[in-house]
Amino acid sequence: MEKVKKRLLTGNKAMVEAIAQEMERDPNVFVLGEDVGKYGGIFGSAQGLYDKFGAERVMDTPISETAFIGAAIGAAAEGMRPIAELMFVDFFGVCMDQIYNHMAKIQYMSGGNVKLPMVLMTAVGGGYNDAAQHSQTLYATFAHMPGMKVVAPSTPYDLKGMMISAIRDDNPVVFMFHKTLQGLGWMDQFDFSIGHVPEEAYTVPLDKAKVVREGSDVTIVGIQIMTHYAVEAAEKLSREGIEAEVIDLRSLAPIDKDTIINSVKKTHRLVVVDEDYRSYGMTAEISAIVAEEALYELEVPVRRLAVPDVPIPYSDPLEDFVIPGPNSIYREVKKLLSE
């Protein structure tokens, strides 16, 4: 019997396919943001949508994040399902009032009478020397705010499935896509930015982590590209007889506590890896969850790897120094196991 070939897509094409399928299914879905029209978004998040759906449903906006995110909030309150792109997550500062005081709170302050089914998608991550104002992830900043779901998919399969889930959700969803995982030709190419993506529409839950590699000696929790780096480190460790279990967090808010705790109960050791800042971040939150709910399962203290509390440098070697990579994860696990 002939083997069926898997259909492979880059991250950005998986996202675009999800949006296009939902726009075809539901006329209330539309896209707005800077350069999302003919240009298709600078990271390919809306590539080809303008030609297919036209200017009324794929709307280029002025450079005013407050204005177009506010417009998306108003449209969602009236029953539309907008997808607004904040070009870089670093730009959140100019529109935080709309995000935190309106998008996140209208449903709560209306006693649930006003739903806000909108997606705020935004590009995150460094690794390509775009300096301090264009290279952050800020996962914890958004996950910290109640009233919004926050997701960070790490594979083309999840980018499509979680985008469809986000568009269909009646709550505001912050959809954080990593630039390096988009698979764009002008950026560094990685095998993990291309993956199997079914042609039909499907959903992936917005509240579940995923065990991407099973192991018995240590649990490594990663977010987005850090998950892939963790797998790379785990393969190196495996050659030395150390089997690491790797968890892709995927959902930042809410966090899937059960998957993390069940893994720690099996391995009794935990390393958390994050591309966000170390202080007050996701590594601290995950460590606290395990300390509160599985402290006596741990044989040694939790180890954390994250960006030190400095702006992301422009310099290539300095950027590599502050952002965790496969080798630093490998070394951290080795230190943990030596305790």
Protein backbone atom coordinates (compact mmCIF):
# COMPACT_ATOMS: atom_id res chain seq x y z
CA MET A 1 0.00 0.00 0.00
CA GLU A 2 1.43 3.39 -1.01
CA LYS A 3 2.38 5.60 1.90
CA VAL A 4 0.52 8.93 1.99
CA LYS A 5 2.87 11.91 2.10
CA LYS A 6 2.35 14.38 4.91
CA ARG A 7 1.48 17.90 3.85
CA LEU A 8 4.15 20.33 5.08
CA LEU A 9 3.67 24.05 5.72
CA THR A 10 5.73 26.81 7.27
CA GLY A 11 4.42 28.46 10.41
CA ASN A 12 3.15 31.57 8.65
CA LYS A 13 1.32 29.59 5.96
CA ALA A 14 -0.35 27.45 8.62
CA MET A 15 -1.58 30.61 10.38
CA VAL A 16 -2.81 32.17 7.14
CA GLU A 17 -4.66 28.99 6.18
CA ALA A 18 -6.43 29.00 9.55
CA ILE A 19 -7.51 32.62 9.15
CA ALA A 20 -8.64 32.09 5.55
CA GLN A 21 -10.72 29.04 6.44
CA GLU A 22 -12.42 30.90 9.27
CA MET A 23 -13.06 33.94 7.04
CA GLU A 24 -14.71 31.63 4.52
CA ARG A 25 -16.76 29.96 7.23
CA ASP A 26 -17.83 33.11 9.09
CA PRO A 27 -18.41 36.48 7.38
CA ASN A 28 -17.94 38.24 10.75
CA VAL A 29 -14.22 37.41 10.77
CA PHE A 30 -11.92 40.13 9.45
CA VAL A 31 -8.30 41.22 9.80
CA LEU A 32 -6.87 44.67 10.52
CA GLY A 33 -3.47 46.09 11.30
CA GLU A 34 -0.39 47.75 9.87
CA ASP A 35 0.79 46.30 6.53
CA VAL A 36 -1.59 43.33 6.66
CA GLY A 37 -3.12 44.23 3.27
CA LYS A 38 -1.20 43.79 0.02
CA TYR A 39 2.06 43.33 1.93
CA GLY A 40 0.56 40.46 3.92
CA GLY A 41 2.13 41.39 7.26
CA ILE A 42 5.85 41.81 7.75
CA PHE A 43 6.07 38.29 9.20
CA GLY A 44 3.67 36.76 6.68
CA SER A 45 0.72 36.47 9.07
CA ALA A 46 -1.79 37.70 6.45
CA GLN A 47 -0.03 36.64 3.27
CA GLY A 48 -2.48 36.41 0.34
CA LEU A 49 -5.59 37.28 2.36
CA TYR A 50 -6.02 40.70 0.75
CA ASP A 51 -6.17 39.23 -2.76
CA LYS A 52 -8.71 36.63 -1.64
CA PHE A 53 -11.01 38.71 0.57
CA GLY A 54 -10.45 42.33 -0.43
CA ALA A 55 -9.88 45.59 1.40
CA GLU A 56 -13.13 45.49 3.40
CA ARG A 57 -12.12 42.32 5.26
CA VAL A 58 -8.32 42.74 5.27
CA MET A 59 -7.81 46.31 6.37
CA ASP A 60 -4.55 48.23 6.35
CA THR A 61 -4.61 50.74 9.18
CA PRO A 62 -2.73 53.93 10.05
CA ILE A 63 0.22 53.64 12.43
CA SER A 64 -1.95 54.06 15.50
CA GLU A 65 -2.22 50.90 17.57
CA THR A 66 -4.59 52.59 20.02
CA ALA A 67 -6.98 53.42 17.19
CA PHE A 68 -7.17 50.11 15.36
CA ILE A 69 -7.10 47.91 18.47
CA GLY A 70 -9.86 50.13 19.88
CA ALA A 71 -11.79 49.68 16.62
CA ALA A 72 -11.38 45.91 16.90
CA ILE A 73 -12.69 45.98 20.48
CA GLY A 74 -15.74 47.94 19.39
CA ALA A 75 -16.38 45.58 16.48
CA ALA A 76 -16.10 42.54 18.75
CA ALA A 77 -18.53 44.08 21.24
CA GLU A 78 -21.02 44.40 18.37
CA GLY A 79 -20.73 40.76 17.33
CA MET A 80 -17.90 40.77 14.80
CA ARG A 81 -14.81 38.55 15.19
CA PRO A 82 -11.82 40.77 14.44
CA ILE A 83 -8.20 39.67 14.26
CA ALA A 84 -6.00 42.67 15.01
CA GLU A 85 -2.24 42.47 14.52
CA LEU A 86 0.07 44.32 16.87
CA MET A 87 3.12 44.18 14.59
CA PHE A 88 5.68 43.68 17.38
CA VAL A 89 4.71 42.79 20.94
CA ASP A 90 7.22 45.46 22.03
CA PHE A 91 4.75 48.11 20.78
CA PHE A 92 2.21 47.19 23.47
CA GLY A 93 3.13 50.28 25.47
CA VAL A 94 1.40 52.69 23.10
CA CYS A 95 -1.92 50.81 23.29
CA MET A 96 -1.93 49.18 26.71
CA ASP A 97 -5.01 51.09 27.85
CA GLN A 98 -7.05 49.52 25.06
CA ILE A 99 -5.68 46.06 25.80
CA TYR A 100 -5.74 46.00 29.58
CA ASN A 101 -8.57 48.37 30.51
CA HIS A 102 -10.95 47.57 27.65
CA MET A 103 -10.20 44.32 25.82
CA ALA A 104 -9.48 42.41 29.02
CA LYS A 105 -12.23 43.91 31.19
CA ILE A 106 -15.36 44.74 29.18
CA GLN A 107 -16.82 41.24 29.49
CA TYR A 108 -16.23 41.23 33.27
CA MET A 109 -17.48 44.77 33.87
CA SER A 110 -20.64 44.11 31.86
CA GLY A 111 -21.47 41.11 34.02
CA GLY A 112 -20.94 38.85 31.02
CA ASN A 113 -23.54 40.65 28.93
CA VAL A 114 -20.99 41.88 26.38
CA LYS A 115 -18.82 39.23 24.79
CA LEU A 116 -15.53 40.18 23.19
CA PRO A 117 -14.63 37.49 20.63
CA MET A 118 -11.42 38.96 19.21
CA VAL A 119 -7.86 37.86 18.55
CA LEU A 120 -4.89 40.12 19.15
CA MET A 121 -2.03 38.47 17.27
CA THR A 122 1.49 39.72 17.74
CA ALA A 123 5.05 38.80 16.79
CA VAL A 124 7.47 37.91 19.58
CA GLY A 125 11.06 36.80 19.99
CA GLY A 126 14.65 37.63 19.25
CA GLY A 127 17.45 35.72 17.61
CA TYR A 128 17.89 37.87 14.54
CA ASN A 129 19.53 41.04 15.87
CA ASP A 130 16.63 43.48 15.89
CA ALA A 131 17.72 45.10 19.15
CA ALA A 132 15.94 46.05 22.36
CA GLN A 133 12.68 47.49 20.99
CA HIS A 134 11.85 44.64 18.57
CA SER A 135 13.10 41.43 20.21
CA GLN A 136 11.12 40.76 23.37
CA THR A 137 8.56 38.06 24.10
CA LEU A 138 6.80 39.61 27.12
CA TYR A 139 4.89 36.38 27.76
CA ALA A 140 4.49 37.09 31.46
CA THR A 141 3.35 40.68 30.92
CA PHE A 142 0.22 39.50 29.11
CA ALA A 143 -0.31 36.27 31.06
CA HIS A 144 -0.32 38.36 34.27
CA MET A 145 -3.45 40.28 33.23
CA PRO A 146 -6.80 38.65 34.03
CA GLY A 147 -9.54 38.60 31.42
CA MET A 148 -7.58 37.33 28.41
CA LYS A 149 -6.43 33.96 27.17
CA VAL A 150 -2.78 33.99 26.10
CA VAL A 151 -1.26 31.34 23.84
CA ALA A 152 2.16 30.77 22.28
CA PRO A 153 2.16 27.88 19.76
CA SER A 154 5.48 26.35 18.72
CA THR A 155 4.66 24.22 15.66
CA PRO A 156 2.86 24.84 12.35
CA TYR A 157 0.25 22.26 13.40
CA ASP A 158 -0.51 24.15 16.61
CA LEU A 159 -0.32 27.55 14.91
CA LYS A 160 -3.20 26.54 12.66
CA GLY A 161 -5.26 24.64 15.23
CA MET A 162 -4.86 27.21 18.01
CA MET A 163 -5.59 30.12 15.65
CA ILE A 164 -8.88 28.48 14.66
CA SER A 165 -9.70 27.90 18.33
CA ALA A 166 -8.81 31.52 19.14
CA ILE A 167 -11.02 32.94 16.39
CA ARG A 168 -13.98 30.82 17.50
CA ASP A 169 -13.53 31.61 21.20
CA ASP A 170 -15.93 34.13 22.74
CA ASN A 171 -13.15 35.58 24.92
CA PRO A 172 -10.31 37.89 23.88
CA VAL A 173 -7.24 35.84 22.96
CA VAL A 174 -3.68 37.15 22.73
CA PHE A 175 -2.05 34.98 20.05
CA MET A 176 1.75 35.27 20.24
CA PHE A 177 3.61 33.89 17.22
CA HIS A 178 7.39 33.62 17.20
CA LYS A 179 9.12 35.26 14.24
CA THR A 180 11.69 32.48 13.92
CA LEU A 181 8.94 29.86 13.75
CA GLN A 182 7.26 31.54 10.77
CA GLY A 183 9.68 29.93 8.31
CA LEU A 184 10.28 33.10 6.31
CA GLY A 185 13.02 33.00 3.68
CA TRP A 186 14.77 36.17 4.85
CA MET A 187 15.30 34.83 8.36
CA ASP A 188 17.46 31.96 9.61
CA GLN A 189 15.92 28.65 8.58
CA PHE A 190 15.16 25.92 11.11
CA ASP A 191 13.65 22.50 10.44
CA PHE A 192 11.10 23.03 13.21
CA SER A 193 9.54 26.02 11.39
CA ILE A 194 8.07 23.54 8.87
CA GLY A 195 5.70 20.79 9.88
CA HIS A 196 2.75 18.58 9.06
CA VAL A 197 -0.51 20.54 8.77
CA PRO A 198 -3.79 18.90 7.69
CA GLU A 199 -5.69 20.70 4.95
CA GLU A 200 -9.04 20.56 6.71
CA ALA A 201 -9.98 22.86 9.57
CA TYR A 202 -9.28 21.53 13.06
CA THR A 203 -8.90 22.93 16.56
CA VAL A 204 -6.23 22.63 19.25
CA PRO A 205 -7.27 23.48 22.85
CA LEU A 206 -6.20 26.84 24.24
CA ASP A 207 -5.61 25.48 27.75
CA LYS A 208 -3.48 22.36 27.33
CA ALA A 209 0.28 21.81 27.46
CA LYS A 210 1.79 18.97 25.42
CA VAL A 211 4.44 16.39 26.30
CA VAL A 212 6.60 16.44 23.17
CA ARG A 213 9.25 14.05 24.46
CA GLU A 214 8.85 11.48 27.21
CA GLY A 215 11.57 10.89 29.79
CA SER A 216 12.15 9.70 33.32
CA ASP A 217 15.10 11.67 34.73
CA VAL A 218 14.15 15.37 34.51
CA THR A 219 11.28 17.52 33.26
CA ILE A 220 12.07 20.49 31.01
CA VAL A 221 9.23 22.97 30.47
CA GLY A 222 9.71 25.21 27.43
CA ILE A 223 7.77 27.93 25.64
CA GLN A 224 7.76 28.26 21.83
CA ILE A 225 11.30 28.15 20.43
CA MET A 226 12.65 27.17 23.85
CA THR A 227 10.67 23.92 23.50
CA HIS A 228 12.62 23.08 20.35
CA TYR A 229 15.90 23.98 22.02
CA ALA A 230 14.91 21.78 24.96
CA VAL A 231 14.28 18.83 22.64
CA GLU A 232 17.69 19.39 21.05
CA ALA A 233 19.31 19.43 24.49
CA ALA A 234 17.34 16.32 25.48
CA GLU A 235 18.64 14.39 22.48
CA LYS A 236 22.21 15.27 23.48
CA LEU A 237 21.50 14.20 27.07
CA SER A 238 19.99 10.95 25.85
CA ARG A 239 23.30 9.98 24.25
CA GLU A 240 24.73 10.12 27.76
CA GLY A 241 21.97 7.97 29.24
CA ILE A 242 19.89 10.86 30.63
CA GLU A 243 16.25 10.88 29.53
CA ALA A 244 14.55 14.28 29.74
CA GLU A 245 10.82 14.77 29.44
CA VAL A 246 10.04 17.93 27.47
CA ILE A 247 6.78 19.84 27.86
CA ASP A 248 5.62 22.47 25.39
CA LEU A 249 3.61 24.87 27.56
CA ARG A 250 1.60 26.30 24.59
CA SER A 251 -0.95 28.03 26.80
CA LEU A 252 0.37 30.78 29.07
CA ALA A 253 -3.02 31.75 30.48
CA PRO A 254 -4.50 29.52 31.66
CA ILE A 255 -1.53 27.27 32.51
CA ASP A 256 -2.07 23.53 32.29
CA LYS A 257 -0.90 22.69 35.81
CA ASP A 258 -1.80 18.99 35.65
CA THR A 259 0.56 18.13 32.79
CA ILE A 260 3.49 19.82 34.56
CA ILE A 261 2.77 18.31 37.99
CA ASN A 262 2.22 14.80 36.60
CA SER A 263 5.56 14.99 34.83
CA VAL A 264 7.38 16.20 37.95
CA LYS A 265 5.85 13.33 39.93
CA LYS A 266 7.48 11.00 37.41
CA THR A 267 10.92 12.65 37.06
CA HIS A 268 11.27 14.44 40.44
CA ARG A 269 13.34 17.21 38.81
CA LEU A 270 12.35 20.37 36.96
CA VAL A 271 14.07 22.87 34.66
CA VAL A 272 12.02 25.76 33.24
CA VAL A 273 13.27 27.60 30.14
CA ASP A 274 11.91 30.91 28.90
CA GLU A 275 12.87 33.59 26.37
CA ASP A 276 11.23 36.23 28.55
CA TYR A 277 12.92 38.03 31.44
CA ARG A 278 13.82 35.98 34.49
CA SER A 279 12.40 38.17 37.27
CA TYR A 280 8.62 37.95 37.85
CA GLY A 281 8.24 35.80 34.73
CA MET A 282 6.85 32.48 33.55
CA THR A 283 9.76 30.55 35.06
CA ALA A 284 8.85 31.93 38.47
CA GLU A 285 5.14 31.16 38.01
CA ILE A 286 5.74 27.57 36.96
CA SER A 287 8.24 27.06 39.79
CA ALA A 288 5.70 28.43 42.28
CA ILE A 289 2.97 26.11 41.00
CA VAL A 290 5.21 23.08 41.50
CA ALA A 291 6.37 24.34 44.93
CA GLU A 292 2.75 24.75 46.04
CA GLU A 293 1.35 21.53 44.62
CA ALA A 294 4.24 19.06 44.28
CA LEU A 295 7.06 20.29 46.52
CA TYR A 296 7.76 16.94 48.13
CA GLU A 297 8.02 15.27 44.73
CA LEU A 298 11.18 17.28 44.02
CA GLU A 299 14.54 15.72 44.86
CA VAL A 300 16.45 18.97 44.15
CA PRO A 301 15.44 22.65 43.82
CA VAL A 302 13.94 23.85 40.52
CA ARG A 303 16.38 25.38 38.02
CA ARG A 304 15.37 28.36 35.86
CA LEU A 305 16.81 29.58 32.57
CA ALA A 306 15.62 32.88 31.13
CA VAL A 307 16.80 36.22 29.77
CA PRO A 308 18.68 38.19 32.45
CA ASP A 309 17.09 41.49 33.44
CA VAL A 310 18.63 43.55 30.65
CA PRO A 311 17.22 44.81 27.34
CA ILE A 312 17.88 42.43 24.44
CA PRO A 313 21.24 43.47 22.92
CA TYR A 314 21.68 44.29 19.24
CA SER A 315 25.10 42.63 19.13
CA ASP A 316 24.95 39.08 17.75
CA PRO A 317 27.24 37.45 20.37
CA LEU A 318 25.60 39.39 23.20
CA GLU A 319 22.12 38.39 22.02
CA ASP A 320 23.25 34.76 21.90
CA PHE A 321 24.62 35.17 25.42
CA VAL A 322 21.37 36.43 27.00
CA ILE A 323 18.87 34.19 25.16
CA PRO A 324 18.97 30.54 26.32
CA GLY A 325 19.93 27.95 23.73
CA PRO A 326 20.34 24.17 23.48
CA ASN A 327 23.83 24.20 25.03
CA SER A 328 22.82 26.29 28.04
CA ILE A 329 19.82 24.01 28.64
CA TYR A 330 22.09 20.97 28.42
CA ARG A 331 24.52 22.47 30.92
CA GLU A 332 21.72 23.43 33.33
CA VAL A 333 20.34 19.90 33.34
CA LYS A 334 23.80 18.48 33.96
CA LYS A 335 24.24 20.85 36.93
CA LEU A 336 20.85 19.81 38.30
CA LEU A 337 21.66 16.12 38.06
CA SER A 338 24.97 16.62 39.82
CA GLU A 339 23.24 18.01 42.94
